[in-house]
PDB file of all heavy atoms in Angstrom:
ATOM      1  N   LEU A   1      10.455   4.685-129.282  1.00  0.00           N
ATOM      2  CA  LEU A   1      11.853   5.142-129.301  1.00  0.00           C
ATOM      3  C   LEU A   1      12.071   6.239-130.339  1.00  0.00           C
ATOM      4  O   LEU A   1      12.819   7.204-130.093  1.00  0.00           O
ATOM      5  CB  LEU A   1      12.779   3.960-129.569  1.00  0.00           C
ATOM      6  CG  LEU A   1      12.788   2.856-128.504  1.00  0.00           C
ATOM      7  CD1 LEU A   1      13.681   1.701-128.929  1.00  0.00           C
ATOM      8  CD2 LEU A   1      13.233   3.403-127.154  1.00  0.00           C
ATOM      9  N   LEU A   2      11.440   6.109-131.485  1.00  0.00           N
ATOM     10  CA  LEU A   2      11.558   7.158-132.508  1.00  0.00           C
ATOM     11  C   LEU A   2      10.952   8.468-132.026  1.00  0.00           C
ATOM     12  O   LEU A   2      11.450   9.556-132.349  1.00  0.00           O
ATOM     13  CB  LEU A   2      10.874   6.707-133.802  1.00  0.00           C
ATOM     14  CG  LEU A   2      11.619   5.634-134.596  1.00  0.00           C
ATOM     15  CD1 LEU A   2      10.720   5.079-135.703  1.00  0.00           C
ATOM     16  CD2 LEU A   2      12.914   6.184-135.178  1.00  0.00           C
ATOM     17  N   THR A   3       9.896   8.371-131.241  1.00  0.00           N
ATOM     18  CA  THR A   3       9.279   9.579-130.694  1.00  0.00           C
ATOM     19  C   THR A   3      10.205  10.263-129.697  1.00  0.00           C
ATOM     20  O   THR A   3      10.297  11.502-129.667  1.00  0.00           O
ATOM     21  CB  THR A   3       7.929   9.234-130.029  1.00  0.00           C
ATOM     22  OG1 THR A   3       7.059   8.665-131.014  1.00  0.00           O
ATOM     23  CG2 THR A   3       7.278  10.470-129.429  1.00  0.00           C
ATOM     24  N   ILE A   4      10.877   9.473-128.875  1.00  0.00           N
ATOM     25  CA  ILE A   4      11.857  10.056-127.950  1.00  0.00           C
ATOM     26  C   ILE A   4      12.935  10.796-128.740  1.00  0.00           C
ATOM     27  O   ILE A   4      13.316  11.926-128.402  1.00  0.00           O
ATOM     28  CB  ILE A   4      12.492   8.965-127.067  1.00  0.00           C
ATOM     29  CG1 ILE A   4      11.445   8.372-126.116  1.00  0.00           C
ATOM     30  CG2 ILE A   4      13.663   9.534-126.263  1.00  0.00           C
ATOM     31  CD1 ILE A   4      11.943   7.199-125.307  1.00  0.00           C
ATOM     32  N   TYR A   5      13.414  10.169-129.802  1.00  0.00           N
ATOM     33  CA  TYR A   5      14.434  10.818-130.632  1.00  0.00           C
ATOM     34  C   TYR A   5      13.894  12.132-131.204  1.00  0.00           C
ATOM     35  O   TYR A   5      14.566  13.169-131.154  1.00  0.00           O
ATOM     36  CB  TYR A   5      14.866   9.896-131.772  1.00  0.00           C
ATOM     37  CG  TYR A   5      16.031  10.433-132.570  1.00  0.00           C
ATOM     38  CD1 TYR A   5      17.327   9.998-132.325  1.00  0.00           C
ATOM     39  CD2 TYR A   5      15.846  11.415-133.551  1.00  0.00           C
ATOM     40  CE1 TYR A   5      18.404  10.508-133.038  1.00  0.00           C
ATOM     41  CE2 TYR A   5      16.904  11.937-134.258  1.00  0.00           C
ATOM     42  CZ  TYR A   5      18.187  11.481-133.999  1.00  0.00           C
ATOM     43  OH  TYR A   5      19.243  11.997-134.697  1.00  0.00           O
ATOM     44  N   ASP A   6      12.686  12.080-131.749  1.00  0.00           N
ATOM     45  CA  ASP A   6      12.108  13.268-132.377  1.00  0.00           C
ATOM     46  C   ASP A   6      11.966  14.410-131.382  1.00  0.00           C
ATOM     47  O   ASP A   6      12.260  15.568-131.700  1.00  0.00           O
ATOM     48  CB  ASP A   6      10.750  12.922-132.973  1.00  0.00           C
ATOM     49  CG  ASP A   6      10.066  14.137-133.578  1.00  0.00           C
ATOM     50  OD1 ASP A   6      10.651  14.742-134.493  1.00  0.00           O
ATOM     51  OD2 ASP A   6       8.961  14.482-133.129  1.00  0.00           O
ATOM     52  N   MET A   7      11.541  14.113-130.166  1.00  0.00           N
ATOM     53  CA  MET A   7      11.306  15.160-129.183  1.00  0.00           C
ATOM     54  C   MET A   7      12.598  15.732-128.613  1.00  0.00           C
ATOM     55  O   MET A   7      12.617  16.860-128.105  1.00  0.00           O
ATOM     56  CB  MET A   7      10.423  14.632-128.063  1.00  0.00           C
ATOM     57  CG  MET A   7       9.007  14.281-128.517  1.00  0.00           C
ATOM     58  SD  MET A   7       7.894  13.964-127.149  1.00  0.00           S
ATOM     59  CE  MET A   7       7.708  15.603-126.447  1.00  0.00           C
ATOM     60  N   CYS A   8      13.684  14.959-128.689  1.00  0.00           N
ATOM     61  CA  CYS A   8      14.936  15.389-128.056  1.00  0.00           C
ATOM     62  C   CYS A   8      16.027  15.778-129.041  1.00  0.00           C
ATOM     63  O   CYS A   8      17.117  16.216-128.622  1.00  0.00           O
ATOM     64  CB  CYS A   8      15.464  14.273-127.145  1.00  0.00           C
ATOM     65  SG  CYS A   8      14.359  13.815-125.806  1.00  0.00           S
ATOM     66  N   LYS A   9      15.782  15.643-130.334  1.00  0.00           N
ATOM     67  CA  LYS A   9      16.848  15.848-131.316  1.00  0.00           C
ATOM     68  C   LYS A   9      17.373  17.279-131.353  1.00  0.00           C
ATOM     69  O   LYS A   9      18.494  17.522-131.823  1.00  0.00           O
ATOM     70  CB  LYS A   9      16.394  15.420-132.706  1.00  0.00           C
ATOM     71  CG  LYS A   9      15.277  16.237-133.322  1.00  0.00           C
ATOM     72  CD  LYS A   9      14.913  15.661-134.690  1.00  0.00           C
ATOM     73  CE  LYS A   9      13.875  16.513-135.399  1.00  0.00           C
ATOM     74  NZ  LYS A   9      12.561  16.506-134.694  1.00  0.00           N
ATOM     75  N   ALA A  10      16.595  18.250-130.858  1.00  0.00           N
ATOM     76  CA  ALA A  10      17.085  19.629-130.825  1.00  0.00           C
ATOM     77  C   ALA A  10      18.256  19.779-129.860  1.00  0.00           C
ATOM     78  O   ALA A  10      19.114  20.650-130.048  1.00  0.00           O
ATOM     79  CB  ALA A  10      15.947  20.571-130.429  1.00  0.00           C
ATOM     80  N   LEU A  11      18.305  18.929-128.836  1.00  0.00           N
ATOM     81  CA  LEU A  11      19.410  18.980-127.873  1.00  0.00           C
ATOM     82  C   LEU A  11      20.636  18.232-128.359  1.00  0.00           C
ATOM     83  O   LEU A  11      21.765  18.645-128.137  1.00  0.00           O
ATOM     84  CB  LEU A  11      18.957  18.405-126.521  1.00  0.00           C
ATOM     85  CG  LEU A  11      17.859  19.165-125.780  1.00  0.00           C
ATOM     86  CD1 LEU A  11      17.520  18.449-124.472  1.00  0.00           C
ATOM     87  CD2 LEU A  11      18.312  20.601-125.492  1.00  0.00           C
ATOM     88  N   ASP A  12      20.394  17.091-129.019  1.00  0.00           N
ATOM     89  CA  ASP A  12      21.515  16.268-129.476  1.00  0.00           C
ATOM     90  C   ASP A  12      21.005  15.253-130.490  1.00  0.00           C
ATOM     91  O   ASP A  12      20.107  14.466-130.189  1.00  0.00           O
ATOM     92  CB  ASP A  12      22.156  15.538-128.283  1.00  0.00           C
ATOM     93  CG  ASP A  12      23.295  14.637-128.703  1.00  0.00           C
ATOM     94  OD1 ASP A  12      23.833  14.831-129.813  1.00  0.00           O
ATOM     95  OD2 ASP A  12      23.627  13.721-127.928  1.00  0.00           O
ATOM     96  N   LYS A  13      21.582  15.268-131.679  1.00  0.00           N
ATOM     97  CA  LYS A  13      21.171  14.329-132.722  1.00  0.00           C
ATOM     98  C   LYS A  13      21.990  13.042-132.704  1.00  0.00           C
ATOM     99  O   LYS A  13      21.837  12.185-133.580  1.00  0.00           O
ATOM    100  CB  LYS A  13      21.266  14.998-134.096  1.00  0.00           C
ATOM    101  CG  LYS A  13      20.273  16.137-134.288  1.00  0.00           C
ATOM    102  CD  LYS A  13      20.418  16.779-135.642  1.00  0.00           C
ATOM    103  CE  LYS A  13      19.343  17.840-135.872  1.00  0.00           C
ATOM    104  NZ  LYS A  13      19.375  18.916-134.870  1.00  0.00           N
ATOM    105  N   GLY A  14      22.861  12.903-131.712  1.00  0.00           N
ATOM    106  CA  GLY A  14      23.721  11.726-131.648  1.00  0.00           C
ATOM    107  C   GLY A  14      23.128  10.566-130.873  1.00  0.00           C
ATOM    108  O   GLY A  14      23.840   9.613-130.532  1.00  0.00           O
ATOM    109  N   MET A  15      21.840  10.602-130.591  1.00  0.00           N
ATOM    110  CA  MET A  15      21.193   9.494-129.875  1.00  0.00           C
ATOM    111  C   MET A  15      21.250   8.225-130.726  1.00  0.00           C
ATOM    112  O   MET A  15      21.220   8.281-131.955  1.00  0.00           O
ATOM    113  CB  MET A  15      19.740   9.844-129.558  1.00  0.00           C
ATOM    114  CG  MET A  15      19.560  10.939-128.531  1.00  0.00           C
ATOM    115  SD  MET A  15      17.815  11.451-128.395  1.00  0.00           S
ATOM    116  CE  MET A  15      17.638  12.477-129.860  1.00  0.00           C
ATOM    117  N   CYS A  16      21.311   7.084-130.064  1.00  0.00           N
ATOM    118  CA  CYS A  16      21.437   5.809-130.772  1.00  0.00           C
ATOM    119  C   CYS A  16      20.333   4.854-130.334  1.00  0.00           C
ATOM    120  O   CYS A  16      20.171   4.580-129.145  1.00  0.00           O
ATOM    121  CB  CYS A  16      22.807   5.189-130.489  1.00  0.00           C
ATOM    122  SG  CYS A  16      23.080   3.613-131.322  1.00  0.00           S
ATOM    123  N   ILE A  17      19.569   4.363-131.306  1.00  0.00           N
ATOM    124  CA  ILE A  17      18.498   3.403-131.039  1.00  0.00           C
ATOM    125  C   ILE A  17      18.978   2.006-131.412  1.00  0.00           C
ATOM    126  O   ILE A  17      19.590   1.808-132.466  1.00  0.00           O
ATOM    127  CB  ILE A  17      17.233   3.751-131.851  1.00  0.00           C
ATOM    128  CG1 ILE A  17      16.656   5.088-131.379  1.00  0.00           C
ATOM    129  CG2 ILE A  17      16.182   2.645-131.744  1.00  0.00           C
ATOM    130  CD1 ILE A  17      15.492   5.583-132.226  1.00  0.00           C
ATOM    131  N   GLY A  18      18.694   1.030-130.557  1.00  0.00           N
ATOM    132  CA  GLY A  18      19.137  -0.324-130.876  1.00  0.00           C
ATOM    133  C   GLY A  18      18.570  -1.376-129.947  1.00  0.00           C
ATOM    134  O   GLY A  18      17.735  -1.088-129.095  1.00  0.00           O
ATOM    135  N   ASP A  19      19.058  -2.603-130.142  1.00  0.00           N
ATOM    136  CA  ASP A  19      18.691  -3.747-129.304  1.00  0.00           C
ATOM    137  C   ASP A  19      17.180  -3.979-129.291  1.00  0.00           C
ATOM    138  O   ASP A  19      16.607  -4.381-128.281  1.00  0.00           O
ATOM    139  CB  ASP A  19      19.216  -3.552-127.881  1.00  0.00           C
ATOM    140  CG  ASP A  19      19.180  -4.844-127.076  1.00  0.00           C
ATOM    141  OD1 ASP A  19      19.307  -5.911-127.696  1.00  0.00           O
ATOM    142  OD2 ASP A  19      19.010  -4.795-125.845  1.00  0.00           O
ATOM    143  N   ILE A  20      16.526  -3.726-130.421  1.00  0.00           N
ATOM    144  CA  ILE A  20      15.086  -3.982-130.512  1.00  0.00           C
ATOM    145  C   ILE A  20      14.885  -5.458-130.824  1.00  0.00           C
ATOM    146  O   ILE A  20      15.381  -5.960-131.831  1.00  0.00           O
ATOM    147  CB  ILE A  20      14.431  -3.112-131.599  1.00  0.00           C
ATOM    148  CG1 ILE A  20      14.602  -1.616-131.265  1.00  0.00           C
ATOM    149  CG2 ILE A  20      12.950  -3.456-131.757  1.00  0.00           C
ATOM    150  CD1 ILE A  20      14.114  -0.685-132.358  1.00  0.00           C
ATOM    151  N   HIS A  21      14.185  -6.159-129.962  1.00  0.00           N
ATOM    152  CA  HIS A  21      13.978  -7.588-130.193  1.00  0.00           C
ATOM    153  C   HIS A  21      12.752  -8.101-129.443  1.00  0.00           C
ATOM    154  O   HIS A  21      12.267  -7.467-128.506  1.00  0.00           O
ATOM    155  CB  HIS A  21      15.212  -8.397-129.783  1.00  0.00           C
ATOM    156  CG  HIS A  21      15.522  -8.339-128.319  1.00  0.00           C
ATOM    157  ND1 HIS A  21      16.285  -7.336-127.761  1.00  0.00           N
ATOM    158  CD2 HIS A  21      15.156  -9.149-127.291  1.00  0.00           C
ATOM    159  CE1 HIS A  21      16.391  -7.542-126.459  1.00  0.00           C
ATOM    160  NE2 HIS A  21      15.707  -8.632-126.147  1.00  0.00           N
ATOM    161  N   LEU A  22      12.286  -9.251-129.874  1.00  0.00           N
ATOM    162  CA  LEU A  22      11.182  -9.933-129.208  1.00  0.00           C
ATOM    163  C   LEU A  22      11.712 -10.599-127.941  1.00  0.00           C
ATOM    164  O   LEU A  22      12.682 -11.356-127.986  1.00  0.00           O
ATOM    165  CB  LEU A  22      10.576 -10.984-130.140  1.00  0.00           C
ATOM    166  CG  LEU A  22       9.372 -11.758-129.607  1.00  0.00           C
ATOM    167  CD1 LEU A  22       8.166 -10.839-129.476  1.00  0.00           C
ATOM    168  CD2 LEU A  22       9.045 -12.930-130.527  1.00  0.00           C
ATOM    169  N   VAL A  23      11.102 -10.306-126.823  1.00  0.00           N
ATOM    170  CA  VAL A  23      11.517 -10.889-125.546  1.00  0.00           C
ATOM    171  C   VAL A  23      10.835 -12.239-125.329  1.00  0.00           C
ATOM    172  O   VAL A  23      11.477 -13.231-124.971  1.00  0.00           O
ATOM    173  CB  VAL A  23      11.192  -9.946-124.372  1.00  0.00           C
ATOM    174  CG1 VAL A  23      11.575 -10.579-123.040  1.00  0.00           C
ATOM    175  CG2 VAL A  23      11.903  -8.613-124.556  1.00  0.00           C
ATOM    176  N   GLU A  24       9.536 -12.267-125.577  1.00  0.00           N
ATOM    177  CA  GLU A  24       8.799 -13.521-125.446  1.00  0.00           C
ATOM    178  C   GLU A  24       7.484 -13.425-126.187  1.00  0.00           C
ATOM    179  O   GLU A  24       6.973 -12.338-126.457  1.00  0.00           O
ATOM    180  CB  GLU A  24       8.528 -13.854-123.978  1.00  0.00           C
ATOM    181  CG  GLU A  24       7.635 -12.841-123.265  1.00  0.00           C
ATOM    182  CD  GLU A  24       7.396 -13.189-121.805  1.00  0.00           C
ATOM    183  OE1 GLU A  24       8.297 -13.800-121.207  1.00  0.00           O
ATOM    184  OE2 GLU A  24       6.323 -12.851-121.281  1.00  0.00           O
ATOM    185  N   LYS A  25       6.953 -14.595-126.533  1.00  0.00           N
ATOM    186  CA  LYS A  25       5.618 -14.643-127.122  1.00  0.00           C
ATOM    187  C   LYS A  25       4.966 -15.942-126.689  1.00  0.00           C
ATOM    188  O   LYS A  25       5.631 -16.953-126.438  1.00  0.00           O
ATOM    189  CB  LYS A  25       5.679 -14.520-128.646  1.00  0.00           C
ATOM    190  CG  LYS A  25       6.099 -15.777-129.402  1.00  0.00           C
ATOM    191  CD  LYS A  25       4.891 -16.517-129.924  1.00  0.00           C
ATOM    192  CE  LYS A  25       5.280 -17.732-130.757  1.00  0.00           C
ATOM    193  NZ  LYS A  25       4.096 -18.528-131.168  1.00  0.00           N
ATOM    194  N   THR A  26       3.625 -15.921-126.586  1.00  0.00           N
ATOM    195  CA  THR A  26       2.880 -17.110-126.199  1.00  0.00           C
ATOM    196  C   THR A  26       1.717 -17.317-127.157  1.00  0.00           C
ATOM    197  O   THR A  26       1.234 -16.368-127.780  1.00  0.00           O
ATOM    198  CB  THR A  26       2.313 -16.999-124.762  1.00  0.00           C
ATOM    199  OG1 THR A  26       1.360 -15.919-124.716  1.00  0.00           O
ATOM    200  CG2 THR A  26       3.413 -16.731-123.759  1.00  0.00           C
ATOM    201  N   GLY A  27       1.271 -18.557-127.258  1.00  0.00           N
ATOM    202  CA  GLY A  27       0.130 -18.882-128.098  1.00  0.00           C
ATOM    203  C   GLY A  27       0.522 -19.265-129.500  1.00  0.00           C
ATOM    204  O   GLY A  27       1.645 -19.010-129.955  1.00  0.00           O
ATOM    205  N   GLY A  28      -0.386 -19.912-130.188  1.00  0.00           N
ATOM    206  CA  GLY A  28      -0.149 -20.266-131.581  1.00  0.00           C
ATOM    207  C   GLY A  28       0.481 -21.631-131.761  1.00  0.00           C
ATOM    208  O   GLY A  28       0.957 -22.263-130.820  1.00  0.00           O
ATOM    209  N   LYS A  29       0.506 -22.088-133.005  1.00  0.00           N
ATOM    210  CA  LYS A  29       1.008 -23.415-133.357  1.00  0.00           C
ATOM    211  C   LYS A  29       2.475 -23.600-133.021  1.00  0.00           C
ATOM    212  O   LYS A  29       2.903 -24.685-132.615  1.00  0.00           O
ATOM    213  CB  LYS A  29       0.773 -23.657-134.851  1.00  0.00           C
ATOM    214  CG  LYS A  29       1.193 -25.042-135.318  1.00  0.00           C
ATOM    215  CD  LYS A  29       0.904 -25.198-136.803  1.00  0.00           C
ATOM    216  CE  LYS A  29       1.370 -26.565-137.307  1.00  0.00           C
ATOM    217  NZ  LYS A  29       1.090 -26.719-138.759  1.00  0.00           N
ATOM    218  N   SER A  30       3.268 -22.539-133.185  1.00  0.00           N
ATOM    219  CA  SER A  30       4.713 -22.653-132.948  1.00  0.00           C
ATOM    220  C   SER A  30       5.073 -22.683-131.470  1.00  0.00           C
ATOM    221  O   SER A  30       6.225 -22.922-131.107  1.00  0.00           O
ATOM    222  CB  SER A  30       5.458 -21.503-133.629  1.00  0.00           C
ATOM    223  OG  SER A  30       5.070 -20.253-133.074  1.00  0.00           O
ATOM    224  N   GLY A  31       4.099 -22.417-130.595  1.00  0.00           N
ATOM    225  CA  GLY A  31       4.361 -22.488-129.163  1.00  0.00           C
ATOM    226  C   GLY A  31       4.986 -21.229-128.611  1.00  0.00           C
ATOM    227  O   GLY A  31       5.060 -20.201-129.284  1.00  0.00           O
ATOM    228  N   ASP A  32       5.455 -21.334-127.382  1.00  0.00           N
ATOM    229  CA  ASP A  32       6.032 -20.172-126.702  1.00  0.00           C
ATOM    230  C   ASP A  32       7.470 -19.931-127.158  1.00  0.00           C
ATOM    231  O   ASP A  32       8.171 -20.850-127.591  1.00  0.00           O
ATOM    232  CB  ASP A  32       6.003 -20.377-125.191  1.00  0.00           C
ATOM    233  CG  ASP A  32       4.580 -20.463-124.651  1.00  0.00           C
ATOM    234  OD1 ASP A  32       3.646 -20.201-125.427  1.00  0.00           O
ATOM    235  OD2 ASP A  32       4.415 -20.801-123.467  1.00  0.00           O
ATOM    236  N   PHE A  33       7.891 -18.680-127.032  1.00  0.00           N
ATOM    237  CA  PHE A  33       9.264 -18.291-127.370  1.00  0.00           C
ATOM    238  C   PHE A  33       9.792 -17.398-126.261  1.00  0.00           C
ATOM    239  O   PHE A  33       9.096 -16.494-125.799  1.00  0.00           O
ATOM    240  CB  PHE A  33       9.297 -17.528-128.698  1.00  0.00           C
ATOM    241  CG  PHE A  33      10.605 -16.834-128.977  1.00  0.00           C
ATOM    242  CD1 PHE A  33      11.638 -17.497-129.623  1.00  0.00           C
ATOM    243  CD2 PHE A  33      10.806 -15.511-128.591  1.00  0.00           C
ATOM    244  CE1 PHE A  33      12.850 -16.855-129.873  1.00  0.00           C
ATOM    245  CE2 PHE A  33      12.007 -14.864-128.833  1.00  0.00           C
ATOM    246  CZ  PHE A  33      13.036 -15.542-129.473  1.00  0.00           C
ATOM    247  N   HIS A  34      11.023 -17.655-125.843  1.00  0.00           N
ATOM    248  CA  HIS A  34      11.682 -16.832-124.845  1.00  0.00           C
ATOM    249  C   HIS A  34      13.084 -16.507-125.355  1.00  0.00           C
ATOM    250  O   HIS A  34      13.880 -17.411-125.621  1.00  0.00           O
ATOM    251  CB  HIS A  34      11.752 -17.539-123.492  1.00  0.00           C
ATOM    252  CG  HIS A  34      10.407 -17.858-122.914  1.00  0.00           C
ATOM    253  ND1 HIS A  34       9.632 -16.924-122.258  1.00  0.00           N
ATOM    254  CD2 HIS A  34       9.674 -19.007-122.933  1.00  0.00           C
ATOM    255  CE1 HIS A  34       8.494 -17.476-121.880  1.00  0.00           C
ATOM    256  NE2 HIS A  34       8.488 -18.737-122.280  1.00  0.00           N
ATOM    257  N   TYR A  35      13.366 -15.239-125.500  1.00  0.00           N
ATOM    258  CA  TYR A  35      14.620 -14.781-126.111  1.00  0.00           C
ATOM    259  C   TYR A  35      15.853 -15.331-125.407  1.00  0.00           C
ATOM    260  O   TYR A  35      16.784 -15.812-126.057  1.00  0.00           O
ATOM    261  CB  TYR A  35      14.646 -13.250-126.105  1.00  0.00           C
ATOM    262  CG  TYR A  35      15.890 -12.635-126.722  1.00  0.00           C
ATOM    263  CD1 TYR A  35      16.018 -12.544-128.105  1.00  0.00           C
ATOM    264  CD2 TYR A  35      16.915 -12.140-125.922  1.00  0.00           C
ATOM    265  CE1 TYR A  35      17.140 -11.986-128.675  1.00  0.00           C
ATOM    266  CE2 TYR A  35      18.045 -11.573-126.485  1.00  0.00           C
ATOM    267  CZ  TYR A  35      18.155 -11.500-127.865  1.00  0.00           C
ATOM    268  OH  TYR A  35      19.282 -10.946-128.422  1.00  0.00           O
ATOM    269  N   ASN A  36      15.875 -15.272-124.084  1.00  0.00           N
ATOM    270  CA  ASN A  36      17.059 -15.728-123.345  1.00  0.00           C
ATOM    271  C   ASN A  36      17.331 -17.210-123.574  1.00  0.00           C
ATOM    272  O   ASN A  36      18.488 -17.622-123.732  1.00  0.00           O
ATOM    273  CB  ASN A  36      16.900 -15.442-121.846  1.00  0.00           C
ATOM    274  CG  ASN A  36      16.996 -13.963-121.529  1.00  0.00           C
ATOM    275  OD1 ASN A  36      17.580 -13.192-122.286  1.00  0.00           O
ATOM    276  ND2 ASN A  36      16.400 -13.549-120.428  1.00  0.00           N
ATOM    277  N   ASP A  37      16.273 -18.020-123.605  1.00  0.00           N
ATOM    278  CA  ASP A  37      16.447 -19.450-123.870  1.00  0.00           C
ATOM    279  C   ASP A  37      17.004 -19.668-125.264  1.00  0.00           C
ATOM    280  O   ASP A  37      17.852 -20.533-125.490  1.00  0.00           O
ATOM    281  CB  ASP A  37      15.111 -20.186-123.733  1.00  0.00           C
ATOM    282  CG  ASP A  37      14.593 -20.193-122.303  1.00  0.00           C
ATOM    283  OD1 ASP A  37      15.397 -19.914-121.387  1.00  0.00           O
ATOM    284  OD2 ASP A  37      13.392 -20.456-122.114  1.00  0.00           O
ATOM    285  N   HIS A  38      16.530 -18.879-126.222  1.00  0.00           N
ATOM    286  CA  HIS A  38      16.965 -18.999-127.606  1.00  0.00           C
ATOM    287  C   HIS A  38      18.446 -18.647-127.736  1.00  0.00           C
ATOM    288  O   HIS A  38      19.199 -19.309-128.462  1.00  0.00           O
ATOM    289  CB  HIS A  38      16.113 -18.080-128.479  1.00  0.00           C
ATOM    290  CG  HIS A  38      15.987 -18.549-129.891  1.00  0.00           C
ATOM    291  ND1 HIS A  38      15.688 -19.848-130.231  1.00  0.00           N
ATOM    292  CD2 HIS A  38      16.111 -17.888-131.069  1.00  0.00           C
ATOM    293  CE1 HIS A  38      15.640 -19.965-131.541  1.00  0.00           C
ATOM    294  NE2 HIS A  38      15.889 -18.781-132.075  1.00  0.00           N
ATOM    295  N   ILE A  39      18.878 -17.599-127.033  1.00  0.00           N
ATOM    296  CA  ILE A  39      20.279 -17.181-127.076  1.00  0.00           C
ATOM    297  C   ILE A  39      21.174 -18.259-126.473  1.00  0.00           C
ATOM    298  O   ILE A  39      22.250 -18.572-126.986  1.00  0.00           O
ATOM    299  CB  ILE A  39      20.475 -15.841-126.319  1.00  0.00           C
ATOM    300  CG1 ILE A  39      19.863 -14.691-127.125  1.00  0.00           C
ATOM    301  CG2 ILE A  39      21.945 -15.571-126.075  1.00  0.00           C
ATOM    302  CD1 ILE A  39      20.543 -14.429-128.445  1.00  0.00           C
ATOM    303  N   GLU A  40      20.737 -18.842-125.353  1.00  0.00           N
ATOM    304  CA  GLU A  40      21.526 -19.881-124.707  1.00  0.00           C
ATOM    305  C   GLU A  40      21.697 -21.096-125.614  1.00  0.00           C
ATOM    306  O   GLU A  40      22.781 -21.668-125.713  1.00  0.00           O
ATOM    307  CB  GLU A  40      20.860 -20.296-123.393  1.00  0.00           C
ATOM    308  CG  GLU A  40      20.957 -19.233-122.306  1.00  0.00           C
ATOM    309  CD  GLU A  40      20.192 -19.615-121.050  1.00  0.00           C
ATOM    310  OE1 GLU A  40      19.664 -20.752-121.011  1.00  0.00           O
ATOM    311  OE2 GLU A  40      20.119 -18.798-120.127  1.00  0.00           O
ATOM    312  N   LYS A  41      20.633 -21.481-126.304  1.00  0.00           N
ATOM    313  CA  LYS A  41      20.723 -22.614-127.229  1.00  0.00           C
ATOM    314  C   LYS A  41      21.660 -22.291-128.381  1.00  0.00           C
ATOM    315  O   LYS A  41      22.446 -23.130-128.814  1.00  0.00           O
ATOM    316  CB  LYS A  41      19.335 -22.950-127.772  1.00  0.00           C
ATOM    317  CG  LYS A  41      18.398 -23.553-126.735  1.00  0.00           C
ATOM    318  CD  LYS A  41      17.038 -23.849-127.354  1.00  0.00           C
ATOM    319  CE  LYS A  41      16.077 -24.409-126.300  1.00  0.00           C
ATOM    320  NZ  LYS A  41      14.728 -24.654-126.878  1.00  0.00           N
ATOM    321  N   SER A  42      21.581 -21.053-128.867  1.00  0.00           N
ATOM    322  CA  SER A  42      22.440 -20.644-129.978  1.00  0.00           C
ATOM    323  C   SER A  42      23.909 -20.636-129.554  1.00  0.00           C
ATOM    324  O   SER A  42      24.773 -21.083-130.298  1.00  0.00           O
ATOM    325  CB  SER A  42      22.037 -19.240-130.450  1.00  0.00           C
ATOM    326  OG  SER A  42      22.929 -18.762-131.423  1.00  0.00           O
ATOM    327  N   SER A  43      24.184 -20.141-128.363  1.00  0.00           N
ATOM    328  CA  SER A  43      25.570 -20.103-127.871  1.00  0.00           C
ATOM    329  C   SER A  43      26.121 -21.509-127.709  1.00  0.00           C
ATOM    330  O   SER A  43      27.286 -21.774-128.008  1.00  0.00           O
ATOM    331  CB  SER A  43      25.619 -19.374-126.511  1.00  0.00           C
ATOM    332  OG  SER A  43      25.180 -18.034-126.649  1.00  0.00           O
ATOM    333  N   GLY A  44      25.275 -22.432-127.272  1.00  0.00           N
ATOM    334  CA  GLY A  44      25.699 -23.803-127.123  1.00  0.00           C
ATOM    335  C   GLY A  44      26.085 -24.433-128.441  1.00  0.00           C
ATOM    336  O   GLY A  44      27.063 -25.175-128.545  1.00  0.00           O
ATOM    337  N   LYS A  45      25.322 -24.119-129.510  1.00  0.00           N
ATOM    338  CA  LYS A  45      25.634 -24.650-130.826  1.00  0.00           C
ATOM    339  C   LYS A  45      26.950 -24.079-131.347  1.00  0.00           C
ATOM    340  O   LYS A  45      27.724 -24.759-132.019  1.00  0.00           O
ATOM    341  CB  LYS A  45      24.494 -24.324-131.799  1.00  0.00           C
ATOM    342  CG  LYS A  45      23.224 -25.101-131.519  1.00  0.00           C
ATOM    343  CD  LYS A  45      22.122 -24.712-132.492  1.00  0.00           C
ATOM    344  CE  LYS A  45      20.840 -25.466-132.195  1.00  0.00           C
ATOM    345  NZ  LYS A  45      19.743 -25.072-133.115  1.00  0.00           N
ATOM    346  N   ASP A  46      27.210 -22.796-131.058  1.00  0.00           N
ATOM    347  CA  ASP A  46      28.469 -22.182-131.507  1.00  0.00           C
ATOM    348  C   ASP A  46      29.662 -22.880-130.882  1.00  0.00           C
ATOM    349  O   ASP A  46      30.707 -23.038-131.509  1.00  0.00           O
ATOM    350  CB  ASP A  46      28.485 -20.692-131.148  1.00  0.00           C
ATOM    351  CG  ASP A  46      27.805 -19.840-132.204  1.00  0.00           C
ATOM    352  OD1 ASP A  46      27.542 -20.367-133.290  1.00  0.00           O
ATOM    353  OD2 ASP A  46      27.538 -18.666-131.925  1.00  0.00           O
TER     354      ASP A  46
END
C-alpha cells in the first residue's frame, strides 16, 4: 500500500491508507484465528 501511495502521490497526496488487519491465521499453540469470528464475539460482549 505504501508503494501504491509513493507511485501515485504526484497526482494526489490525499490518498488514505487504512483497515490493515489480520484476516486469519493457522497453526501454533494459540490455534486458528478468524477476524470475523473475533469481531462477532466482541460485538456480543458489548
